[in-house]
Protein backbone atom coordinates (compact mmCIF):
# COMPACT_ATOMS: atom_id res chain seq x y z
CA MET A 1 -5.73 -13.65 -54.03
CA ALA A 2 -2.90 -13.42 -51.49
CA LYS A 3 -3.47 -15.00 -48.10
CA GLU A 4 -3.76 -12.43 -45.34
CA ILE A 5 -0.73 -12.29 -43.05
CA ARG A 6 -1.32 -11.57 -39.38
CA PHE A 7 1.21 -10.02 -37.00
CA ASN A 8 1.64 -10.20 -33.25
CA ALA A 9 4.45 -8.34 -31.53
CA PHE A 10 6.39 -10.72 -29.27
CA LEU A 11 7.93 -9.24 -26.11
CA MET A 12 8.48 -9.84 -22.43
CA ASN A 13 8.34 -7.38 -19.54
CA CYS A 14 12.11 -7.26 -19.38
CA VAL A 15 15.22 -5.73 -20.97
CA GLY A 16 16.50 -8.62 -23.08
CA HIS A 17 13.96 -10.94 -24.64
CA LEU A 18 15.27 -12.93 -27.63
CA ALA A 19 18.25 -10.79 -28.60
CA PRO A 20 20.69 -10.73 -25.66
CA GLY A 21 23.17 -7.88 -25.82
CA GLN A 22 21.13 -5.60 -28.07
CA TRP A 23 20.13 -3.36 -25.16
CA THR A 24 23.65 -1.91 -25.39
CA GLY A 25 22.92 -0.37 -28.81
CA PRO A 26 22.84 3.43 -29.11
CA GLU A 27 19.20 3.56 -30.27
CA ASP A 28 17.72 0.75 -28.19
CA GLN A 29 15.13 1.74 -25.59
CA ALA A 30 14.49 -1.65 -23.99
CA THR A 31 15.94 -0.43 -20.68
CA HIS A 32 12.90 1.90 -20.47
CA TYR A 33 10.67 -1.11 -19.81
CA LEU A 34 10.02 0.13 -16.24
CA GLN A 35 8.33 3.29 -17.54
CA PRO A 36 4.60 3.26 -18.39
CA GLY A 37 5.24 5.46 -21.42
CA TYR A 38 7.40 2.74 -22.99
CA TRP A 39 4.40 0.40 -23.09
CA THR A 40 1.74 2.91 -24.08
CA ALA A 41 3.82 4.29 -26.96
CA LEU A 42 4.56 0.77 -28.17
CA ALA A 43 0.88 -0.19 -28.05
CA GLN A 44 -0.09 2.88 -30.06
CA LEU A 45 2.60 2.11 -32.64
CA LEU A 46 1.40 -1.48 -33.03
CA GLU A 47 -2.21 -0.39 -33.40
CA GLN A 48 -1.11 2.07 -36.08
CA GLY A 49 0.39 -0.94 -37.87
CA LEU A 50 -2.82 -3.00 -37.42
CA PHE A 51 -1.08 -5.72 -35.41
CA ASP A 52 -3.55 -8.25 -34.03
CA SER A 53 -1.95 -8.30 -30.62
CA LEU A 54 0.99 -7.62 -28.39
CA PHE A 55 2.00 -11.09 -27.22
CA LEU A 56 3.74 -11.02 -23.82
CA GLY A 57 5.89 -13.99 -22.92
CA ASP A 58 6.83 -14.76 -19.34
CA VAL A 59 9.03 -17.16 -17.41
CA LEU A 60 9.17 -18.02 -13.72
CA GLY A 61 12.73 -18.27 -12.45
CA VAL A 62 16.12 -17.27 -13.78
CA TYR A 63 18.30 -19.07 -16.29
CA ASP A 64 20.88 -20.93 -14.20
CA THR A 65 21.30 -24.20 -16.14
CA ASP A 66 24.41 -22.93 -17.92
CA GLN A 67 27.40 -23.62 -15.61
CA GLY A 68 24.87 -24.15 -12.81
CA SER A 69 24.80 -20.41 -12.16
CA PRO A 70 22.59 -17.40 -12.95
CA ASP A 71 25.65 -15.17 -13.45
CA ALA A 72 25.60 -15.12 -17.25
CA ALA A 73 21.88 -14.35 -17.37
CA LEU A 74 22.22 -11.57 -14.81
CA ARG A 75 25.30 -10.07 -16.46
CA THR A 76 23.74 -9.96 -19.94
CA ALA A 77 20.10 -9.26 -18.94
CA ALA A 78 19.01 -12.52 -20.58
CA GLN A 79 15.33 -12.45 -19.56
CA VAL A 80 16.25 -11.14 -16.13
CA PRO A 81 15.28 -8.81 -14.53
CA MET A 82 11.73 -9.82 -15.45
CA ASN A 83 8.52 -8.23 -14.23
CA ASP A 84 4.95 -9.51 -14.07
CA PRO A 85 3.29 -8.98 -17.47
CA PHE A 86 -0.27 -8.53 -16.18
CA PRO A 87 -0.09 -4.91 -14.89
CA VAL A 88 1.06 -3.37 -18.18
CA ILE A 89 -2.02 -4.55 -20.09
CA PRO A 90 -4.52 -2.07 -18.54
CA LEU A 91 -2.05 0.73 -19.30
CA MET A 92 -1.91 -0.21 -22.98
CA SER A 93 -5.60 -0.97 -23.33
CA GLN A 94 -6.49 2.58 -22.32
CA VAL A 95 -4.60 4.11 -25.25
CA THR A 96 -5.83 1.64 -27.88
CA LYS A 97 -9.19 0.45 -29.20
CA HIS A 98 -8.43 -2.71 -31.18
CA LEU A 99 -5.01 -4.12 -30.28
CA GLY A 100 -5.25 -7.47 -28.52
CA PHE A 101 -3.08 -8.58 -25.61
CA GLY A 102 -1.76 -12.12 -25.36
CA ILE A 103 -0.48 -12.86 -21.89
CA THR A 104 1.61 -15.82 -20.82
CA ALA A 105 0.63 -17.32 -17.48
CA SER A 106 1.76 -20.61 -15.99
CA LEU A 107 -0.86 -22.98 -14.61
CA THR A 108 1.66 -25.04 -12.64
CA TYR A 109 2.01 -22.83 -9.58
CA GLU A 110 -1.19 -20.81 -9.21
CA PRO A 111 -4.67 -22.00 -8.12
CA PRO A 112 -7.04 -22.09 -11.10
CA TYR A 113 -9.67 -19.91 -9.45
CA LEU A 114 -7.29 -17.01 -8.89
CA LEU A 115 -5.86 -17.03 -12.41
CA ALA A 116 -9.33 -17.38 -13.93
CA ARG A 117 -10.49 -14.32 -11.99
CA ARG A 118 -7.50 -12.22 -13.08
CA LEU A 119 -8.04 -13.11 -16.72
CA THR A 120 -11.76 -12.38 -16.51
CA THR A 121 -10.97 -9.00 -14.97
CA LEU A 122 -8.55 -8.17 -17.78
CA ASP A 123 -11.05 -9.26 -20.41
CA HIS A 124 -13.58 -6.85 -18.92
CA LEU A 125 -11.11 -3.97 -18.69
CA THR A 126 -9.93 -4.41 -22.27
CA GLY A 127 -13.37 -4.94 -23.79
CA GLY A 128 -12.65 -8.53 -24.78
CA ARG A 129 -9.12 -8.18 -26.12
CA VAL A 130 -7.28 -10.73 -23.96
CA ALA A 131 -5.65 -14.02 -24.94
CA TRP A 132 -4.06 -16.49 -22.54
CA ASN A 133 -0.88 -18.23 -23.63
CA ILE A 134 -1.09 -21.41 -21.55
CA VAL A 135 2.29 -22.65 -20.29
CA THR A 136 3.40 -25.18 -17.69
CA SER A 137 6.84 -23.62 -16.89
CA TYR A 138 10.20 -25.29 -17.50
CA LEU A 139 12.86 -23.92 -15.12
CA ASP A 140 13.98 -25.70 -11.95
CA SER A 141 14.97 -22.30 -10.57
CA GLY A 142 11.34 -21.20 -10.75
CA ALA A 143 10.17 -24.35 -8.99
CA ARG A 144 12.71 -23.80 -6.20
CA SER A 145 11.69 -20.15 -5.83
CA LEU A 146 8.09 -21.28 -5.46
CA GLY A 147 8.86 -23.80 -2.73
CA LEU A 148 9.53 -27.07 -4.58
CA ASP A 149 12.75 -29.05 -4.69
CA ARG A 150 12.55 -29.20 -8.48
CA GLN A 151 9.96 -28.79 -11.18
CA ILE A 152 7.21 -31.32 -11.74
CA ALA A 153 8.04 -33.90 -14.44
CA HIS A 154 7.29 -32.77 -17.99
CA ASP A 155 4.33 -35.02 -18.84
CA ASP A 156 2.92 -34.77 -15.31
CA ARG A 157 2.69 -31.00 -15.77
CA TYR A 158 0.40 -31.55 -18.72
CA GLU A 159 -1.76 -34.02 -16.82
CA ARG A 160 -2.25 -31.33 -14.18
CA ALA A 161 -2.90 -28.82 -16.95
CA ASP A 162 -5.82 -30.81 -18.35
CA ASP A 163 -7.47 -30.82 -14.92
CA TYR A 164 -6.69 -27.11 -14.52
CA MET A 165 -8.42 -26.30 -17.79
CA ALA A 166 -11.47 -28.38 -16.89
CA LEU A 167 -11.96 -26.27 -13.78
CA CYS A 168 -11.39 -22.98 -15.62
CA TYR A 169 -13.94 -23.94 -18.26
CA LYS A 170 -16.55 -24.61 -15.59
CA LEU A 171 -15.88 -21.23 -13.98
CA TRP A 172 -15.83 -19.21 -17.19
CA GLN A 173 -18.45 -20.97 -19.26
CA HIS A 174 -20.95 -22.59 -16.96
CA SER A 175 -21.31 -20.87 -13.59
CA TRP A 176 -23.21 -17.85 -14.97
CA GLU A 177 -25.82 -18.29 -17.66
CA GLU A 178 -25.81 -15.88 -20.59
CA ASP A 179 -28.73 -13.81 -19.29
CA ALA A 180 -27.91 -14.04 -15.57
CA VAL A 181 -26.91 -10.37 -15.32
CA ARG A 182 -30.01 -8.17 -15.40
CA ARG A 183 -28.92 -4.78 -13.95
CA ASP A 184 -32.55 -3.94 -13.25
CA ALA A 185 -32.32 -0.76 -11.17
CA GLU A 186 -36.10 -0.41 -10.90
CA LYS A 187 -36.48 -3.80 -9.20
CA GLY A 188 -33.12 -3.68 -7.46
CA ILE A 189 -31.96 -6.90 -9.08
CA TYR A 190 -28.43 -6.93 -10.44
CA ALA A 191 -28.25 -10.66 -11.18
CA ASP A 192 -30.75 -13.53 -11.19
CA PRO A 193 -29.64 -16.18 -8.66
CA ALA A 194 -31.62 -18.84 -10.52
CA LYS A 195 -29.30 -18.43 -13.48
CA ILE A 196 -26.06 -18.60 -11.51
CA HIS A 197 -24.77 -22.05 -10.56
CA ALA A 198 -22.22 -23.43 -8.17
CA ILE A 199 -19.60 -25.48 -9.92
CA ALA A 200 -18.53 -28.82 -8.50
CA HIS A 201 -15.07 -29.92 -9.50
CA GLU A 202 -13.30 -32.95 -8.05
CA GLY A 203 -10.47 -33.56 -10.47
CA GLY A 204 -7.33 -35.61 -10.25
CA VAL A 205 -5.42 -32.60 -8.89
CA PHE A 206 -7.78 -29.69 -8.27
CA ARG A 207 -11.06 -29.31 -6.44
CA SER A 208 -13.43 -26.37 -6.25
CA HIS A 209 -17.02 -25.88 -5.13
CA GLY A 210 -19.04 -22.72 -5.31
CA VAL A 211 -20.24 -19.85 -7.47
CA TYR A 212 -17.70 -18.03 -9.61
CA GLN A 213 -17.25 -14.46 -8.36
CA CYS A 214 -17.07 -12.76 -11.74
CA GLU A 215 -19.85 -12.00 -14.15
CA PRO A 216 -19.08 -13.15 -17.70
CA SER A 217 -16.64 -11.01 -19.65
CA PRO A 218 -17.05 -10.21 -23.37
CA GLN A 219 -15.24 -13.41 -24.39
CA ARG A 220 -16.07 -15.42 -21.23
CA THR A 221 -12.99 -17.58 -21.83
CA PRO A 222 -9.99 -15.59 -23.08
CA LEU A 223 -8.69 -16.55 -26.50
CA LEU A 224 -6.54 -19.63 -25.90
CA PHE A 225 -2.94 -19.76 -27.15
CA GLN A 226 -0.58 -22.66 -26.59
CA ALA A 227 2.95 -23.50 -27.70
CA GLY A 228 3.55 -27.13 -26.79
CA GLY A 229 5.93 -28.84 -29.19
CA SER A 230 6.59 -32.10 -27.34
CA ARG A 231 4.42 -35.16 -27.92
CA ARG A 232 2.41 -34.42 -24.78
CA GLY A 233 2.38 -30.70 -25.48
CA LYS A 234 0.95 -31.25 -28.96
CA GLN A 235 -1.81 -33.39 -27.52
CA PHE A 236 -2.66 -30.64 -25.03
CA ALA A 237 -2.66 -28.00 -27.77
CA ALA A 238 -4.89 -30.14 -29.99
CA ASP A 239 -7.37 -30.52 -27.13
CA HIS A 240 -7.52 -26.90 -25.99
CA ALA A 241 -5.83 -24.26 -28.16
CA GLU A 242 -7.48 -21.86 -30.58
CA CYS A 243 -4.11 -20.46 -31.68
CA ILE A 244 -0.82 -22.34 -31.60
CA PHE A 245 2.57 -20.65 -31.35
CA VAL A 246 5.25 -22.59 -33.23
CA GLY A 247 8.97 -22.01 -33.63
CA ALA A 248 11.63 -23.63 -35.77
CA PRO A 249 14.80 -22.30 -37.42
CA THR A 250 14.08 -23.78 -40.88
CA ARG A 251 11.08 -23.96 -43.20
CA ASN A 252 11.22 -27.75 -43.27
CA GLY A 253 11.22 -27.89 -39.49
CA LEU A 254 8.35 -25.44 -39.19
CA LYS A 255 6.28 -27.26 -41.81
CA ARG A 256 6.80 -30.58 -40.05
CA SER A 257 5.76 -29.08 -36.73
CA VAL A 258 2.60 -27.55 -38.20
CA ASP A 259 1.71 -30.76 -40.06
CA ASP A 260 2.13 -32.80 -36.87
CA LEU A 261 -0.12 -30.42 -34.98
CA ARG A 262 -2.81 -30.50 -37.68
CA ASN A 263 -2.77 -34.30 -37.48
CA ALA A 264 -3.08 -34.04 -33.70
CA LEU A 265 -6.12 -31.78 -34.10
CA VAL A 266 -7.84 -34.38 -36.27
CA THR A 267 -7.00 -37.11 -33.76
CA SER A 268 -8.57 -34.96 -31.06
CA GLY A 269 -11.77 -34.69 -33.10
CA ARG A 270 -11.22 -31.16 -34.38
CA ALA A 271 -10.86 -29.85 -37.92
CA ALA A 272 -7.28 -29.47 -39.14
CA ASP A 273 -7.94 -25.83 -40.04
CA SER A 274 -9.78 -24.94 -36.83
CA VAL A 275 -6.69 -23.36 -35.25
CA ARG A 276 -4.60 -20.32 -36.21
CA PHE A 277 -0.83 -20.96 -36.36
CA PHE A 278 1.68 -18.21 -35.57
CA ALA A 279 5.41 -18.70 -36.12
CA MET A 280 8.19 -17.10 -34.11
CA PHE A 281 10.04 -14.77 -36.47
CA THR A 282 12.36 -11.78 -36.51
CA VAL A 283 12.34 -9.15 -39.26
CA ILE A 284 15.05 -6.58 -39.90
CA VAL A 285 13.71 -4.30 -42.61
CA GLU A 286 15.13 -1.04 -43.90
CA ALA A 287 14.42 1.16 -46.90
CA THR A 288 17.20 -0.58 -48.86
CA ALA A 289 18.75 -4.03 -48.72
CA GLU A 290 22.16 -2.46 -48.05
CA LEU A 291 20.92 -0.57 -45.00
CA ALA A 292 19.22 -3.71 -43.70
CA GLN A 293 22.43 -5.73 -43.99
CA GLU A 294 24.38 -2.99 -42.24
CA ARG A 295 21.87 -2.99 -39.39
CA TYR A 296 21.97 -6.78 -39.19
CA GLN A 297 25.77 -6.91 -39.09
CA ALA A 298 25.82 -4.29 -36.33
CA SER A 299 23.35 -6.42 -34.37
CA LEU A 300 25.50 -9.52 -34.83
CA ALA A 301 28.48 -7.60 -33.48
CA ARG A 302 26.53 -6.63 -30.35
CA ALA A 303 24.99 -10.07 -29.78
CA SER A 304 25.96 -11.76 -26.53
CA TYR A 305 27.12 -15.37 -27.07
CA SER A 306 27.07 -16.06 -23.34
CA GLY A 307 23.57 -14.60 -23.02
CA ALA A 308 22.35 -16.76 -25.89
CA GLN A 309 23.99 -19.85 -24.44
CA THR A 310 22.36 -19.35 -21.05
CA LEU A 311 18.96 -18.98 -22.72
CA LEU A 312 19.37 -22.09 -24.86
CA SER A 313 20.62 -24.07 -21.85
CA GLY A 314 17.53 -23.06 -19.90
CA TRP A 315 15.14 -23.82 -22.75
CA THR A 316 16.60 -27.28 -23.34
CA GLY A 317 17.50 -28.23 -19.76
CA ILE A 318 21.08 -29.02 -20.88
CA ASP A 319 24.17 -27.29 -19.50
CA LEU A 320 25.79 -26.42 -22.82
CA SER A 321 28.97 -25.23 -21.10
CA ARG A 322 29.86 -28.92 -20.65
CA TYR A 323 30.16 -29.39 -24.43
CA GLN A 324 32.58 -28.18 -27.04
CA PRO A 325 31.24 -25.60 -29.51
CA ASP A 326 31.64 -28.06 -32.41
CA ASP A 327 29.79 -30.92 -30.69
CA THR A 328 26.57 -31.97 -32.40
CA LEU A 329 23.42 -30.90 -30.62
CA GLY A 330 21.48 -34.17 -30.22
CA TYR A 331 18.07 -34.83 -28.73
CA VAL A 332 17.43 -36.17 -25.24
CA ASP A 333 14.24 -36.05 -23.18
CA THR A 334 14.40 -33.48 -20.39
CA ASP A 335 11.89 -31.86 -18.04
CA ALA A 336 12.54 -28.47 -19.63
CA GLY A 337 11.08 -27.22 -22.93
CA GLN A 338 11.43 -30.28 -25.15
CA SER A 339 10.29 -28.38 -28.25
CA ALA A 340 13.32 -26.08 -28.03
CA LEU A 341 15.78 -28.95 -28.30
CA ALA A 342 13.70 -30.71 -30.94
CA ALA A 343 13.81 -27.58 -33.12
CA PHE A 344 17.58 -27.99 -33.49
CA SER A 345 17.82 -31.77 -33.53
CA LYS A 346 14.67 -33.51 -34.80
CA LEU A 347 12.31 -31.32 -36.79
CA ASP A 348 14.49 -30.94 -39.89
CA PRO A 349 16.62 -34.06 -40.54
CA SER A 350 18.36 -32.29 -43.44
CA ARG A 351 20.17 -29.96 -41.03
CA THR A 352 22.77 -30.90 -38.41
CA TRP A 353 23.41 -28.32 -35.72
CA THR A 354 26.50 -27.91 -33.57
CA VAL A 355 26.31 -26.22 -30.20
CA ARG A 356 27.95 -23.14 -31.71
CA ASP A 357 25.48 -23.08 -34.63
CA ALA A 358 22.49 -23.19 -32.33
CA VAL A 359 23.79 -20.62 -29.84
CA GLU A 360 24.71 -18.16 -32.58
CA PHE A 361 21.32 -18.67 -34.20
CA VAL A 362 19.28 -17.96 -31.05
CA ALA A 363 21.39 -14.87 -30.27
CA ILE A 364 19.05 -12.90 -32.53
CA GLY A 365 15.43 -13.96 -32.52
CA GLY A 366 15.46 -17.16 -30.47
CA ARG A 367 14.29 -20.30 -32.30
CA GLY A 368 12.55 -18.41 -35.08
CA ALA A 369 13.97 -17.53 -38.46
CA VAL A 370 15.47 -14.11 -39.18
CA VAL A 371 14.72 -12.29 -42.44
CA VAL A 372 16.77 -9.27 -43.47
CA GLY A 373 16.13 -6.97 -46.42
CA ASP A 374 14.15 -4.16 -47.98
CA PRO A 375 10.33 -4.23 -47.85
CA VAL A 376 9.98 -6.16 -51.10
CA GLN A 377 12.51 -8.80 -50.09
CA VAL A 378 11.02 -9.28 -46.64
CA ALA A 379 7.46 -9.42 -47.97
CA ASP A 380 8.54 -12.05 -50.52
CA ALA A 381 10.13 -14.13 -47.76
CA LEU A 382 7.13 -13.94 -45.42
CA GLN A 383 4.73 -14.95 -48.15
CA ALA A 384 6.96 -17.88 -49.12
CA TRP A 385 7.06 -19.12 -45.50
CA MET A 386 3.28 -18.75 -45.29
CA GLU A 387 2.72 -20.75 -48.46
CA GLU A 388 5.17 -23.54 -47.71
CA THR A 389 4.35 -24.07 -44.04
CA ARG A 390 0.60 -23.22 -44.03
CA ILE A 391 0.84 -20.90 -41.06
CA ASP A 392 -1.51 -17.95 -40.52
CA GLY A 393 0.89 -15.31 -39.28
CA PHE A 394 3.94 -14.41 -37.24
CA ASN A 395 4.85 -13.59 -33.66
CA LEU A 396 7.50 -10.99 -34.42
CA ALA A 397 10.34 -10.57 -31.94
CA PHE A 398 12.38 -7.39 -31.77
CA VAL A 399 16.09 -6.78 -32.11
CA GLU A 400 16.03 -3.08 -31.29
CA ALA A 401 13.16 -1.58 -29.31
CA PRO A 402 11.13 0.07 -30.70
CA ARG A 403 12.95 0.46 -34.04
CA THR A 404 12.24 -3.12 -35.16
CA PHE A 405 8.49 -2.58 -34.86
CA ARG A 406 8.53 0.99 -36.16
CA ASN A 407 10.23 -0.13 -39.36
CA ILE A 408 7.75 -2.99 -39.77
CA VAL A 409 4.84 -0.56 -39.38
CA GLU A 410 6.27 2.15 -41.65
CA LEU A 411 8.01 0.04 -44.32
CA LEU A 412 6.78 -3.56 -44.39
CA VAL A 413 3.07 -3.18 -43.65
CA PRO A 414 2.46 -0.81 -46.61
CA GLU A 415 4.21 -3.25 -48.97
CA LEU A 416 2.09 -6.15 -47.75
CA GLN A 417 -1.05 -4.01 -48.07
CA ARG A 418 -0.09 -3.12 -51.64
CA ARG A 419 -0.02 -6.87 -52.37
CA GLY A 420 -3.42 -7.44 -50.75
CA ALA A 421 -1.75 -9.59 -48.09
CA TYR A 422 -2.43 -7.44 -45.02
CA LYS A 423 -5.56 -5.79 -43.68
CA THR A 424 -6.15 -2.08 -44.15
CA ALA A 425 -8.46 -1.72 -41.15
CA TYR A 426 -9.47 -3.64 -38.05
CA THR A 427 -12.74 -5.53 -38.01
CA PRO A 428 -15.02 -4.77 -35.04
CA GLY A 429 -15.45 -6.98 -32.03
CA THR A 430 -13.39 -8.92 -29.53
CA LEU A 431 -9.98 -10.42 -30.24
CA ARG A 432 -11.60 -13.80 -30.96
CA GLU A 433 -14.00 -12.17 -33.42
CA LYS A 434 -11.16 -10.37 -35.17
CA LEU A 435 -9.14 -13.55 -35.61
CA PHE A 436 -11.92 -15.97 -36.53
CA GLY A 437 -14.72 -13.84 -37.92
CA ALA A 438 -17.31 -15.61 -35.77
CA GLY A 439 -18.74 -14.96 -32.30
CA PRO A 440 -16.98 -13.51 -29.25
CA GLN A 441 -17.04 -16.77 -27.27
CA LEU A 442 -15.55 -20.23 -27.69
CA PRO A 443 -17.16 -22.12 -30.59
CA PRO A 444 -19.80 -24.65 -29.49
CA ASP A 445 -17.69 -27.61 -30.65
CA HIS A 446 -14.86 -26.75 -28.24
CA ARG A 447 -14.32 -29.26 -25.44
CA ALA A 448 -15.14 -26.56 -22.86
CA TYR A 449 -18.84 -27.09 -23.54
CA GLY A 450 -18.59 -30.75 -22.57
CA TYR A 451 -18.53 -29.75 -18.90
CA ARG A 452 -21.94 -28.03 -18.93
CA SER A 453 -23.82 -31.03 -17.53
CA GLN A 454 -21.38 -31.40 -14.64
CA VAL A 455 -21.85 -27.96 -13.08
CA GLY A 456 -23.15 -28.41 -9.57
CA SER A 457 -23.50 -32.16 -10.03
CA GLY A 458 -20.26 -33.43 -8.56
CA THR A 459 -20.04 -35.97 -11.38
CA SER A 460 -17.01 -37.19 -13.30
CA ASP A 461 -14.73 -34.49 -14.64
CA SER A 462 -14.15 -35.87 -18.12
CA PRO A 463 -15.72 -33.74 -20.88
CA ARG A 464 -18.89 -34.99 -22.50
CA LYS A 465 -18.14 -36.68 -25.82
């Protein structure tokens, strides 16, 4: 029996996400991103195609590593202008019943209490359909905009992140007991104070004392996504994530990344198959292979090399304008996104990338692979990647909005369903229930439950073993 393939749509609240220059195409509607109808129509389309979620990326700051200037990013709309992703989720949730919403939010610059409250609110409003993609941010421009001289060092950001998560777990999981909310109108008791507890957190970075304001949402803790590809990032993902977002340009590179992360899960005391893996991917599918190739070639002609270079410079923390196009792209440690550079220099030793190779590759689809063809060809390719890399699904980026997703829904999904490799209906329940087939809340073996004994005690903030 074919393994079920899962799809998330991968976007940002901006014009140009992972295909700089494509907004200039005659059919592209990405410039409508400021209109509510753009988001509601997209959500309805994705739910028609039984996508698990709409996964919203985000970045704080503008891409100014390339030539030390934001000009190229601004000129080509390379992830700027960029709006806050949170407000569009209630719009989309009101026109859908099942589609989940993965939202990227950085824990480097916002107090844990405030972000926890916003995510709880969204989980309530969506009926338990929210996931949090946990990031630590990677742009110096964002750090400067938020009042720092430069960003916090890479590994230090993850040390802060561990403390951040400890506090969030206490708020979400342990301040309110399961039966604390009574809503007893006859007795005039909304909640039982005896079942609501002040948390006491004195961590290495964060401190918080008091009762959490929010009553528990359907999932309590939103479904946890993470995309760390560095050594420290993998450790963080193995400790916390329920779903891991991976990206690599080759099958060998993707397989190595997934294998490393499964080993990290075991080291962290979790089962190697306890996490769902989603790979960054771009699909260009048309009714015939010839039409697909024509569409792909037209996209290549529109692609912005300078926009792609400014993105890759920002992701890697390296000013690529200082190098010749034929220079080899080697690995160095930076305080930016180390996984982005590793994808083109370390993950697949069989492939050597020049600067030009890498920039041209990310011009359509970012670090993920691009598959072009008719529905049969694309379905064959996706199933081969699934089998060889042991992933669970794909975060699908768009080239043309909304055509990329419309063609996937109308052409590719039926072919996968015919093969028994894609669901024909949603299962009931929260996003966590849909993905894992278990309960709506974190499983009891997750490290979040190790903080139960510390609520209100003021004791050490390491999770119970």
